[in-house]
Protein backbone atom coordinates (compact mmCIF):
# COMPACT_ATOMS: atom_id res chain seq x y z
CA UNK A 1 -11.91 -12.45 4.70
CA UNK A 2 -13.96 -12.65 1.46
CA UNK A 3 -14.97 -16.09 0.21
CA UNK A 4 -13.18 -16.20 -3.14
CA UNK A 5 -15.02 -19.36 -4.16
CA UNK A 6 -18.39 -17.55 -4.08
CA UNK A 7 -19.50 -16.88 -7.69
CA UNK A 8 -21.47 -13.80 -6.56
CA UNK A 9 -18.22 -12.11 -5.55
CA UNK A 10 -16.57 -12.59 -8.94
CA UNK A 11 -19.74 -11.67 -10.85
CA UNK A 12 -20.15 -8.32 -9.12
CA UNK A 13 -16.69 -6.94 -9.80
CA UNK A 14 -14.44 -6.39 -12.81
CA UNK A 15 -10.88 -7.63 -13.44
CA UNK A 16 -9.75 -3.99 -13.39
CA UNK A 17 -11.15 -3.46 -9.87
CA UNK A 18 -9.54 -6.66 -8.60
CA UNK A 19 -6.24 -5.58 -10.19
CA UNK A 20 -6.46 -2.20 -8.45
CA UNK A 21 -7.13 -3.88 -5.08
CA UNK A 22 -4.18 -6.25 -5.48
CA UNK A 23 -1.95 -3.35 -6.56
CA UNK A 24 -2.87 -0.78 -3.89
CA UNK A 25 -4.39 -2.88 -1.12
CA UNK A 26 -7.38 -1.79 0.94
CA UNK A 27 -6.86 0.96 3.51
CA UNK A 28 -8.58 0.09 6.77
CA UNK A 29 -8.47 -3.65 6.15
CA UNK A 30 -5.82 -6.36 6.43
CA UNK A 31 -5.32 -6.37 2.63
CA UNK A 32 -1.78 -5.09 1.87
CA UNK A 33 -0.58 -3.69 -1.47
CA UNK A 34 1.33 -5.93 -3.86
CA UNK A 35 2.15 -3.21 -6.40
CA UNK A 36 5.14 -0.83 -6.50
CA UNK A 37 4.37 0.45 -2.97
CA UNK A 38 4.91 -3.02 -1.52
CA UNK A 39 8.18 -4.03 0.10
CA UNK A 40 7.97 -7.22 -1.96
CA UNK A 41 5.99 -6.25 -5.09
CA UNK A 42 4.51 -8.50 -7.73
CA UNK A 43 5.14 -7.54 -11.35
CA UNK A 44 2.26 -6.22 -13.44
CA UNK A 45 2.02 -9.58 -15.24
CA UNK A 46 1.94 -11.47 -11.94
CA UNK A 47 -0.86 -9.26 -10.65
CA UNK A 48 -2.95 -9.94 -13.77
CA UNK A 49 -2.17 -13.65 -13.44
CA UNK A 50 -3.48 -13.50 -9.89
CA UNK A 51 -6.64 -11.66 -10.96
CA UNK A 52 -7.61 -14.39 -13.39
CA UNK A 53 -6.58 -17.17 -11.06
CA UNK A 54 -9.25 -15.77 -8.73
CA UNK A 55 -11.87 -16.37 -11.43
CA UNK A 56 -11.00 -20.08 -11.58
CA UNK A 57 -11.84 -20.46 -7.88
CA UNK A 58 -15.55 -19.92 -8.53
CA UNK A 59 -15.79 -21.53 -12.00
CA UNK A 60 -15.35 -25.32 -11.89
CA UNK A 61 -14.27 -27.02 -15.08
CA UNK A 62 -17.69 -28.62 -15.71
CA UNK A 63 -19.27 -25.15 -15.66
CA UNK A 64 -16.77 -23.89 -18.23
CA UNK A 65 -17.24 -26.97 -20.42
CA UNK A 66 -21.03 -26.60 -20.39
CA UNK A 67 -20.65 -22.92 -21.26
CA UNK A 68 -18.33 -23.84 -24.13
CA UNK A 69 -20.91 -26.19 -25.64
CA UNK A 70 -23.63 -23.55 -25.37
CA UNK A 71 -21.34 -20.97 -26.95
CA UNK A 72 -20.46 -23.25 -29.86
CA UNK A 73 -24.13 -23.99 -30.52
CA UNK A 74 -25.61 -20.50 -30.03
CA UNK A 75 -22.87 -17.88 -30.29
CA UNK A 76 -19.91 -18.99 -32.40
CA UNK A 77 -21.63 -18.35 -35.73
CA UNK A 78 -21.51 -14.61 -35.04
CA UNK A 79 -18.76 -14.20 -32.46
CA UNK A 80 -16.37 -16.76 -33.96
CA UNK A 81 -14.98 -19.97 -32.51
CA UNK A 82 -12.08 -17.99 -31.02
CA UNK A 83 -14.21 -15.17 -29.57
CA UNK A 84 -12.69 -12.46 -31.77
CA UNK A 85 -16.03 -11.55 -33.38
CA UNK A 86 -15.11 -12.97 -36.78
CA UNK A 87 -17.97 -15.46 -37.16
CA UNK A 88 -19.38 -16.02 -40.68
CA UNK A 89 -22.91 -14.97 -39.65
CA UNK A 90 -21.91 -11.74 -37.88
CA UNK A 91 -24.42 -8.96 -38.77
CA UNK A 92 -21.73 -6.30 -38.34
CA UNK A 93 -18.75 -5.41 -36.12
CA UNK A 94 -18.74 -7.69 -33.08
CA UNK A 95 -16.91 -7.31 -29.73
CA UNK A 96 -13.55 -9.04 -29.41
CA UNK A 97 -13.71 -11.15 -26.24
CA UNK A 98 -9.94 -11.73 -26.40
CA UNK A 99 -9.27 -8.00 -25.90
CA UNK A 100 -8.08 -7.78 -22.28
CA UNK A 101 -8.36 -3.98 -22.16
CA UNK A 102 -12.05 -4.21 -23.04
CA UNK A 103 -12.88 -7.29 -20.96
CA UNK A 104 -11.08 -5.96 -17.88
CA UNK A 105 -13.70 -3.20 -17.61
CA UNK A 106 -16.68 -5.56 -17.78
CA UNK A 107 -18.11 -7.57 -14.92
CA UNK A 108 -19.74 -10.96 -15.29
CA UNK A 109 -22.99 -9.28 -14.28
CA UNK A 110 -22.79 -6.88 -17.23
CA UNK A 111 -22.12 -9.72 -19.67
CA UNK A 112 -24.99 -11.71 -18.15
CA UNK A 113 -27.41 -8.79 -18.64
CA UNK A 114 -26.35 -8.46 -22.27
CA UNK A 115 -26.93 -12.17 -22.90
CA UNK A 116 -30.28 -11.94 -21.09
CA UNK A 117 -31.65 -8.73 -22.65
CA UNK A 118 -29.78 -8.71 -25.95
CA UNK A 119 -28.87 -5.64 -27.99
CA UNK A 120 -31.38 -5.51 -30.85
CA UNK A 121 -29.82 -2.39 -32.39
CA UNK A 122 -26.59 -4.32 -32.94
CA UNK A 123 -28.16 -7.59 -33.99
CA UNK A 124 -27.70 -9.27 -30.61
CA UNK A 125 -30.81 -11.28 -29.66
CA UNK A 126 -32.12 -11.89 -26.16
CA UNK A 127 -31.54 -15.38 -24.78
CA UNK A 128 -33.85 -14.99 -21.77
CA UNK A 129 -36.40 -17.35 -23.31
CA UNK A 130 -33.92 -19.77 -24.90
CA UNK A 131 -31.52 -20.33 -21.99
CA UNK A 132 -32.33 -20.64 -18.30
CA UNK A 133 -30.47 -18.51 -15.76
CA UNK A 134 -27.85 -21.19 -14.97
CA UNK A 135 -27.06 -21.72 -18.65
CA UNK A 136 -26.63 -17.98 -19.20
CA UNK A 137 -24.14 -17.79 -16.35
CA UNK A 138 -22.30 -20.78 -17.78
CA UNK A 139 -21.87 -19.21 -21.19
CA UNK A 140 -20.81 -15.89 -19.59
CA UNK A 141 -18.14 -17.66 -17.51
CA UNK A 142 -16.88 -19.34 -20.68
CA UNK A 143 -16.79 -15.96 -22.48
CA UNK A 144 -14.39 -14.69 -19.80
CA UNK A 145 -11.88 -17.43 -20.64
CA UNK A 146 -11.26 -15.85 -24.05
CA UNK A 147 -9.31 -13.11 -22.24
CA UNK A 148 -7.16 -15.41 -20.07
CA UNK A 149 -5.77 -18.95 -20.09
CA UNK A 150 -8.18 -21.04 -18.05
CA UNK A 151 -6.64 -23.96 -16.17
CA UNK A 152 -9.31 -26.18 -14.61
CA UNK A 153 -8.55 -26.54 -10.89
CA UNK A 154 -10.19 -29.98 -10.90
CA UNK A 155 -7.41 -31.35 -13.12
CA UNK A 156 -4.92 -31.09 -10.25
CA UNK A 157 -5.08 -34.27 -8.19
CA UNK A 158 -3.97 -34.14 -4.51
CA UNK A 159 -1.62 -36.90 -3.43
CA UNK A 160 -0.30 -37.79 -6.88
CA UNK A 161 3.45 -38.36 -7.15
CA UNK A 162 4.80 -35.60 -9.44
CA UNK A 163 7.87 -37.72 -10.26
CA UNK A 164 5.98 -40.91 -11.19
CA UNK A 165 6.22 -40.12 -14.91
CA UNK A 166 4.24 -38.13 -17.42
CA UNK A 167 4.45 -35.51 -20.15
CA UNK A 168 5.40 -32.66 -17.79
CA UNK A 169 8.65 -30.78 -18.52
CA UNK A 170 10.33 -27.87 -16.73
CA UNK A 171 13.22 -26.18 -18.47
CA UNK A 172 15.24 -23.21 -17.38
CA UNK A 173 18.42 -21.19 -17.26
CA UNK A 174 20.87 -20.38 -14.49
CA UNK A 175 22.25 -16.86 -14.85
CA UNK A 176 24.76 -14.88 -12.83
CA UNK A 177 23.25 -11.55 -11.77
CA UNK A 178 26.58 -9.96 -10.82
CA UNK A 179 27.89 -7.60 -13.50
CA UNK A 180 30.78 -9.09 -15.45
CA UNK A 181 30.70 -12.43 -13.60
CA UNK A 182 30.51 -15.77 -15.37
CA UNK A 183 28.86 -18.97 -14.22
CA UNK A 184 31.24 -21.81 -13.34
CA UNK A 185 30.61 -25.18 -14.94
CA UNK A 186 29.14 -28.21 -13.21
CA UNK A 187 26.53 -26.51 -11.03
CA UNK A 188 23.86 -28.89 -9.69
CA UNK A 189 20.25 -27.68 -9.59
CA UNK A 190 17.45 -29.38 -7.66
CA UNK A 191 13.75 -29.38 -8.48
CA UNK A 192 11.67 -29.41 -5.29
CA UNK A 193 7.95 -30.26 -5.35
CA UNK A 194 5.76 -28.81 -2.59
CA UNK A 195 2.21 -29.80 -1.77
CA UNK A 196 0.11 -27.08 -0.17
CA UNK A 197 -2.07 -27.63 2.85
CA UNK A 198 -2.28 -26.38 6.43
CA UNK A 199 1.51 -26.65 6.27
CA UNK A 200 3.85 -26.88 3.32
CA UNK A 201 4.91 -30.46 2.64
CA UNK A 202 7.90 -31.29 0.49
CA UNK A 203 6.89 -34.34 -1.55
CA UNK A 204 10.07 -34.99 -3.51
CA UNK A 205 13.18 -33.70 -5.26
CA UNK A 206 15.02 -34.28 -8.51
CA UNK A 207 18.55 -33.06 -9.34
CA UNK A 208 20.52 -32.51 -12.53
CA UNK A 209 23.73 -30.84 -13.69
CA UNK A 210 23.52 -27.54 -15.55
CA UNK A 211 24.75 -27.58 -19.15
CA UNK A 212 27.69 -25.45 -20.32
CA UNK A 213 25.30 -22.70 -21.48
CA UNK A 214 23.56 -22.59 -18.08
CA UNK A 215 20.45 -24.49 -19.23
CA UNK A 216 18.75 -27.37 -17.42
CA UNK A 217 15.78 -29.65 -18.02
CA UNK A 218 13.52 -31.80 -15.83
CA UNK A 219 11.25 -34.23 -17.68
CA UNK A 220 8.80 -37.09 -16.95
CA UNK A 221 6.74 -34.99 -14.52
CA UNK A 222 3.07 -35.69 -13.86
CA UNK A 223 1.11 -32.50 -14.67
CA UNK A 224 -1.92 -33.77 -12.72
CA UNK A 225 -0.05 -33.63 -9.42
CA UNK A 226 -1.25 -30.80 -7.18
CA UNK A 227 2.16 -29.36 -6.44
CA UNK A 228 4.24 -26.25 -6.95
CA UNK A 229 7.82 -26.58 -8.15
CA UNK A 230 10.85 -24.49 -7.21
CA UNK A 231 14.34 -24.90 -8.68
CA UNK A 232 17.17 -24.36 -6.20
CA UNK A 233 20.94 -24.43 -6.13
CA UNK A 234 23.80 -23.59 -3.80
CA UNK A 235 26.39 -21.16 -5.15
CA UNK A 236 29.31 -19.69 -3.19
CA UNK A 237 27.78 -21.14 -0.02
CA UNK A 238 24.40 -19.39 -0.51
CA UNK A 239 21.09 -21.06 -1.38
CA UNK A 240 19.08 -19.58 -4.27
CA UNK A 241 15.59 -20.36 -5.51
CA UNK A 242 13.57 -19.65 -8.64
CA UNK A 243 10.03 -18.35 -8.76
CA UNK A 244 7.45 -21.07 -8.12
CA UNK A 245 5.84 -22.77 -11.10
CA UNK A 246 2.88 -25.12 -11.54
CA UNK A 247 2.04 -27.51 -14.35
CA UNK A 248 -1.38 -28.68 -15.49
CA UNK A 249 -2.88 -31.00 -18.06
CA UNK A 250 -3.52 -28.04 -20.34
CA UNK A 251 -0.04 -26.58 -19.67
CA UNK A 252 2.34 -29.51 -19.09
CA UNK A 253 5.47 -27.46 -19.83
CA UNK A 254 6.99 -24.60 -17.88
CA UNK A 255 10.11 -22.46 -17.89
CA UNK A 256 11.97 -20.72 -15.05
CA UNK A 257 15.08 -18.61 -14.55
CA UNK A 258 17.35 -19.15 -11.56
CA UNK A 259 19.58 -16.16 -10.74
CA UNK A 260 22.69 -16.52 -8.56
CA UNK A 261 25.17 -13.87 -7.47
CA UNK A 262 28.76 -13.46 -6.40
CA UNK A 263 29.26 -12.61 -2.73
CA UNK A 264 30.66 -9.70 -0.71
CA UNK A 265 31.25 -8.92 2.95
CA UNK A 266 31.01 -5.16 2.35
CA UNK A 267 27.75 -3.69 3.69
CA UNK A 268 27.72 -0.54 1.53
CA UNK A 269 24.57 -1.62 -0.36
CA UNK A 270 22.60 -2.78 2.70
CA UNK A 271 19.65 -0.74 3.92
CA UNK A 272 16.54 -1.22 6.04
CA UNK A 273 13.60 -0.28 3.83
CA UNK A 274 11.22 -0.38 6.76
CA UNK A 275 11.68 -0.71 10.48
CA UNK A 276 8.49 -1.44 12.41
CA UNK A 277 8.69 -1.23 16.20
CA UNK A 278 5.61 -2.30 18.14
CA UNK A 279 4.99 -2.01 21.85
CA UNK A 280 2.95 -4.33 24.04
CA UNK A 281 2.27 -4.34 27.78
CA UNK A 282 1.80 -7.94 28.99
CA UNK A 283 1.77 -6.47 32.52
CA UNK A 284 1.68 -2.96 33.99
CA UNK A 285 5.36 -3.21 34.97
CA UNK A 286 6.65 -4.93 31.87
CA UNK A 287 7.03 -3.71 28.29
CA UNK A 288 7.74 -6.01 25.39
CA UNK A 289 9.14 -4.46 22.22
CA UNK A 290 8.86 -6.27 18.91
CA UNK A 291 10.92 -5.15 15.93
CA UNK A 292 10.53 -6.11 12.29
CA UNK A 293 13.12 -5.08 9.68
CA UNK A 294 12.60 -5.31 5.93
CA UNK A 295 16.17 -5.55 4.61
CA UNK A 296 17.19 -4.69 1.04
CA UNK A 297 20.43 -5.01 -0.91
CA UNK A 298 20.93 -2.34 -3.59
CA UNK A 299 24.04 -4.04 -5.01
CA UNK A 300 24.54 -6.93 -7.40
CA UNK A 301 26.34 -9.23 -4.95
CA UNK A 302 24.89 -11.26 -2.08
CA UNK A 303 25.93 -9.81 1.27
CA UNK A 304 27.47 -12.56 3.43
CA UNK A 305 28.74 -10.40 6.26
CA UNK A 306 26.90 -10.05 9.56
CA UNK A 307 24.19 -7.50 10.28
CA UNK A 308 24.97 -5.78 13.58
CA UNK A 309 21.83 -5.03 15.62
CA UNK A 310 22.40 -2.99 18.83
CA UNK A 311 19.78 -3.29 21.59
CA UNK A 312 18.96 -1.08 24.58
CA UNK A 313 21.26 -1.75 27.52
CA UNK A 314 18.30 -2.77 29.68
CA UNK A 315 16.88 -5.28 27.17
CA UNK A 316 16.28 -8.81 28.46
CA UNK A 317 14.63 -12.02 27.30
CA UNK A 318 15.58 -11.64 23.62
CA UNK A 319 13.39 -13.82 21.40
CA UNK A 320 13.48 -14.49 17.67
CA UNK A 321 10.73 -15.50 15.25
CA UNK A 322 9.63 -19.09 15.82
CA UNK A 323 11.17 -21.44 13.27
CA UNK A 324 14.26 -19.29 12.76
CA UNK A 325 17.19 -21.18 11.23
CA UNK A 326 19.45 -22.66 13.87
CA UNK A 327 22.72 -20.73 14.23
CA UNK A 328 21.49 -17.64 12.41
CA UNK A 329 21.80 -15.28 15.40
CA UNK A 330 24.62 -14.69 17.87
CA UNK A 331 24.16 -12.50 20.94
CA UNK A 332 26.83 -9.87 21.66
CA UNK A 333 27.52 -7.36 24.45
CA UNK A 334 25.71 -4.65 22.46
CA UNK A 335 22.88 -6.76 21.02
CA UNK A 336 23.18 -9.52 18.43
CA UNK A 337 24.39 -10.26 14.90
CA UNK A 338 22.37 -11.79 12.08
CA UNK A 339 24.40 -14.07 9.79
CA UNK A 340 21.69 -14.74 7.18
CA UNK A 341 22.83 -13.76 3.65
CA UNK A 342 21.06 -10.77 2.07
CA UNK A 343 20.35 -11.31 -1.62
CA UNK A 344 20.27 -8.37 -4.05
CA UNK A 345 16.86 -6.78 -4.44
CA UNK A 346 14.09 -5.06 -2.50
CA UNK A 347 13.00 -6.63 0.78
CA UNK A 348 14.87 -9.89 0.25
CA UNK A 349 15.35 -10.53 3.99
CA UNK A 350 13.11 -10.10 7.03
CA UNK A 351 14.29 -9.87 10.61
CA UNK A 352 11.73 -10.27 13.42
CA UNK A 353 12.62 -10.31 17.12
CA UNK A 354 11.41 -9.05 20.49
CA UNK A 355 12.81 -8.22 23.91
CA UNK A 356 11.54 -7.14 27.32
CA UNK A 357 12.08 -3.91 29.27
CA UNK A 358 11.15 -3.08 32.84
CA UNK A 359 8.50 -0.33 32.97
CA UNK A 360 7.63 1.93 35.90
CA UNK A 361 5.04 4.46 34.68
CA UNK A 362 7.54 5.85 32.21
CA UNK A 363 10.57 4.95 30.12
CA UNK A 364 12.90 6.56 27.59
CA UNK A 365 13.81 4.23 24.73
CA UNK A 366 16.66 4.92 22.33
CA UNK A 367 17.25 2.86 19.20
CA UNK A 368 20.40 3.10 17.09
CA UNK A 369 20.72 1.75 13.54
CA UNK A 370 24.05 1.02 11.89
CA UNK A 371 22.59 0.97 8.37
CA UNK A 372 20.46 3.46 6.41
CA UNK A 373 16.75 3.34 7.29
CA UNK A 374 14.22 4.55 4.73
CA UNK A 375 11.29 4.70 7.17
CA UNK A 376 10.61 3.84 10.79
CA UNK A 377 7.17 3.23 12.29
CA UNK A 378 6.46 2.96 16.01
CA UNK A 379 3.10 1.35 16.78
CA UNK A 380 1.63 1.78 20.25
CA UNK A 381 -1.78 0.41 21.32
CA UNK A 382 -4.33 2.78 22.81
CA UNK A 383 -3.87 1.71 26.45
CA UNK A 384 -3.41 5.11 28.06
CA UNK A 385 0.27 5.57 27.22
CA UNK A 386 1.55 8.87 25.83
CA UNK A 387 4.58 9.10 23.55
CA UNK A 388 6.86 12.14 23.40
CA UNK A 389 9.60 12.55 20.80
CA UNK A 390 11.22 15.36 18.84
CA UNK A 391 11.98 12.94 16.00
CA UNK A 392 8.71 11.06 15.56
CA UNK A 393 5.86 12.76 13.74
CA UNK A 394 2.30 13.19 14.94
CA UNK A 395 0.57 9.84 15.48
CA UNK A 396 -1.87 8.40 13.00
CA UNK A 397 -4.68 6.39 14.64
CA UNK A 398 -5.33 3.05 12.95
CA UNK A 399 -8.69 1.49 13.97
CA UNK A 400 -9.00 -2.28 14.02
CA UNK A 401 -11.60 -4.60 15.49
CA UNK A 402 -12.79 -2.10 18.06
CA UNK A 403 -9.28 -1.04 19.09
CA UNK A 404 -6.86 1.68 18.02
CA UNK A 405 -3.12 1.51 17.40
CA UNK A 406 -1.18 4.76 17.04
CA UNK A 407 1.47 4.89 14.33
CA UNK A 408 4.41 7.30 14.82
CA UNK A 409 6.75 7.68 11.82
CA UNK A 410 10.12 9.13 10.93
CA UNK A 411 12.88 8.71 8.35
CA UNK A 412 15.05 8.50 6.46
CA UNK A 413 17.84 7.82 8.97
CA UNK A 414 21.56 7.81 8.33
CA UNK A 415 23.92 5.03 9.56
CA UNK A 416 24.57 5.41 13.29
CA UNK A 417 21.65 7.78 13.83
CA UNK A 418 19.61 7.38 17.01
CA UNK A 419 15.85 7.70 17.50
CA UNK A 420 14.50 8.32 20.99
CA UNK A 421 11.05 8.56 22.49
CA UNK A 422 9.58 8.73 25.98
CA UNK A 423 6.61 6.62 27.00
CA UNK A 424 4.64 7.88 29.99
CA UNK A 425 1.66 6.67 31.97
CA UNK A 426 0.32 3.52 33.55
CA UNK A 427 -1.02 1.12 30.90
CA UNK A 428 -4.63 0.11 31.29
CA UNK A 429 -5.89 -3.30 30.13
CA UNK A 430 -6.77 -3.29 26.44
CA UNK A 431 -9.85 -4.94 24.95
CA UNK A 432 -7.71 -7.93 24.12
CA UNK A 433 -6.43 -8.08 27.71
CA UNK A 434 -9.96 -8.01 29.07
CA UNK A 435 -10.84 -10.91 26.80
CA UNK A 436 -7.91 -12.89 28.16
CA UNK A 437 -5.93 -12.89 24.92
CA UNK A 438 -2.60 -11.60 26.17
CA UNK A 439 -1.17 -14.95 27.24
CA UNK A 440 0.82 -16.08 24.23
CA UNK A 441 4.30 -16.74 22.92
CA UNK A 442 6.78 -13.82 23.01
CA UNK A 443 6.69 -11.69 19.89
CA UNK A 444 4.18 -9.48 18.09
CA UNK A 445 0.58 -10.09 19.05
CA UNK A 446 -2.24 -10.73 16.59
CA UNK A 447 -3.41 -7.16 17.20
CA UNK A 448 0.00 -5.77 16.34
CA UNK A 449 0.37 -8.00 13.31
CA UNK A 450 -2.96 -6.71 12.04
CA UNK A 451 -1.79 -3.15 12.64
CA UNK A 452 1.22 -3.77 10.44
CA UNK A 453 -1.05 -5.19 7.79
CA UNK A 454 -3.10 -2.01 7.83
CA UNK A 455 -0.05 0.07 6.94
CA UNK A 456 0.78 -2.13 3.99
CA UNK A 457 2.78 -4.98 5.47
CA UNK A 458 1.62 -8.60 5.27
CA UNK A 459 2.51 -10.60 8.38
CA UNK A 460 1.49 -14.07 9.47
CA UNK A 461 1.20 -15.59 5.99
CA UNK A 462 2.48 -19.15 5.78
CA UNK A 463 4.94 -20.44 3.25
CA UNK A 464 2.25 -22.63 1.67
CA UNK A 465 0.26 -19.57 0.68
CA UNK A 466 3.34 -17.69 -0.55
CA UNK A 467 4.46 -20.48 -2.84
CA UNK A 468 0.95 -21.36 -4.01
CA UNK A 469 0.32 -17.76 -5.05
CA UNK A 470 3.65 -17.49 -6.89
CA UNK A 471 5.24 -15.10 -4.40
CA UNK A 472 8.97 -14.59 -4.88
CA UNK A 473 10.40 -17.56 -2.97
CA UNK A 474 13.72 -16.03 -2.01
CA UNK A 475 12.23 -15.63 1.44
CA UNK A 476 9.53 -18.26 1.06
CA UNK A 477 12.11 -20.97 0.40
CA UNK A 478 13.96 -20.06 3.55
CA UNK A 479 10.72 -20.32 5.50
CA UNK A 480 9.92 -23.71 3.97
CA UNK A 481 13.37 -25.03 4.64
CA UNK A 482 13.34 -23.74 8.20
CA UNK A 483 9.82 -24.99 8.90
CA UNK A 484 10.95 -28.53 8.17
CA UNK A 485 14.10 -28.30 10.28
CA UNK A 486 13.91 -30.50 13.36
CA UNK A 487 16.53 -28.50 15.22
CA UNK A 488 14.51 -25.30 14.79
CA UNK A 489 11.44 -27.03 16.23
CA UNK A 490 13.43 -28.29 19.20
CA UNK A 491 14.67 -24.75 19.83
CA UNK A 492 11.11 -23.41 19.53
CA UNK A 493 9.99 -25.89 22.21
CA UNK A 494 12.86 -24.78 24.44
CA UNK A 495 11.91 -21.12 23.90
CA UNK A 496 8.33 -21.93 24.84
CA UNK A 497 9.50 -23.64 28.03
CA UNK A 498 11.60 -20.59 28.91
CA UNK A 499 8.67 -18.24 28.31
CA UNK A 500 6.41 -20.32 30.56
CA UNK A 501 9.00 -20.45 33.33
CA UNK A 502 9.42 -16.66 33.06
CA UNK A 503 5.68 -16.21 33.65
CA UNK A 504 4.94 -14.87 30.17
CA UNK A 505 2.40 -17.58 29.33
CA UNK A 506 -0.48 -19.10 31.25
CA UNK A 507 -0.51 -22.87 31.65
CA UNK A 508 -3.34 -23.53 29.17
CA UNK A 509 -1.67 -21.57 26.37
CA UNK A 510 1.71 -23.13 27.17
CA UNK A 511 0.42 -26.71 27.05
CA UNK A 512 -1.60 -26.11 23.88
CA UNK A 513 1.27 -24.55 21.93
CA UNK A 514 3.82 -27.03 23.23
CA UNK A 515 1.56 -29.90 22.16
CA UNK A 516 1.31 -28.41 18.66
CA UNK A 517 5.08 -28.06 18.39
CA UNK A 518 5.73 -31.60 19.61
CA UNK A 519 3.14 -32.96 17.17
CA UNK A 520 4.81 -31.08 14.30
CA UNK A 521 8.22 -32.37 15.36
CA UNK A 522 6.96 -35.96 15.37
CA UNK A 523 5.49 -35.49 11.88
CA UNK A 524 8.79 -34.11 10.57
CA UNK A 525 10.76 -36.98 12.08
CA UNK A 526 8.38 -39.55 10.60
CA UNK A 527 8.55 -37.84 7.20
CA UNK A 528 12.30 -38.45 7.14
């Protein structure tokens, strides 16, 4: 992945190019889109916020401060203290550095060359002889801050207690997103502070009662604490969370909206935006199928019924994503049911599971979906297996790290519709198999997860990253809450033991992963 703290990276590009990459992703890489094509898009404002956050990673506060002093002494007379070009000594019309449309098209390198060479025809002198190279970069980095609100990363202090007192204030409003519904009085909201790291760590909470108009206020927060805040509440038996927010010394106040909904057990508005099915051959006679559903709710009420997921009759060894909330799934004669609530919106719930099938040089697989499916993708590694189906389109090869995964697509599908395909041939060892990388926990492999990323789906990101980047925490909050649940960790250890006993893991992998889970469990128990 690119080193986003490297100044050379930021200097060579423009905000507009970074915005385009964040919006559309990068085909052929693991960078997914976060624009309208994403199953969980960021708004236009959020994408611009992310663009300029990237600039802060390579511009420490002392660099910006030095650039500010140089600007005040050498540039402000013409360009103005505020960068708008309204300085008293301006020889004529000057560029407005606060104009985002103009600045988004300019790279730091272009600005640096202008400062170095000057523009004599427009009264702009060269500073090549007056300022050394480092000083010119410093003033250019300061110029960029006229087009965005720079928050010095150094002002956030790891380990500080966010509730120890200070000028920080978070205000907000609880609203009911169901048409015609009103918000009952006396709702309690809780402010949760998370500290990012290798794992998300909850460092504290603060609760208050919502006022009659739905407003709430949390004060006496320390803006220097390196934390992200999320406001949560429970309404009609469902947990809801706001977008994440951070405070800083320069911005000690923040505002959030927390939307709740009425509930329904009618599944009319439920649909699967994307169904991704990926095949893996841990052995020549065994096929493991992983399935990932991106679930949306087109209504304005939270669905609290159960999602019915049929499985093939021959499916065995059903496994769910590690860290899944205890009690969420119940196995049935036909498959299983998922009891997690589905909030209104696009891609508000993810469902990830896998199961095993016996394989003898060929197998017909039929999948039936009880809800509308917008698109279905079957991903099969290039291990000598052929796929035949009248419903799936021609495969698209997706290259990755010296391997190829074939993507077969179809959709939309109506409720109750079946999709069938026949897999034929004896699987040969893949590159990953030859390297000894197939011994792992049940579920999608790293190769398959990367394949999903290449078709615009981000897998494997941890809750710390999601919250720290301001990703919608409707799912992130669930992941954080589940990750800290001791019961879920105990169940994950039990699943690992079962997988080892079933011969799906080698001893080295089993002992390493079990040790990691036990260590995490001990940390969670000590934290309480």
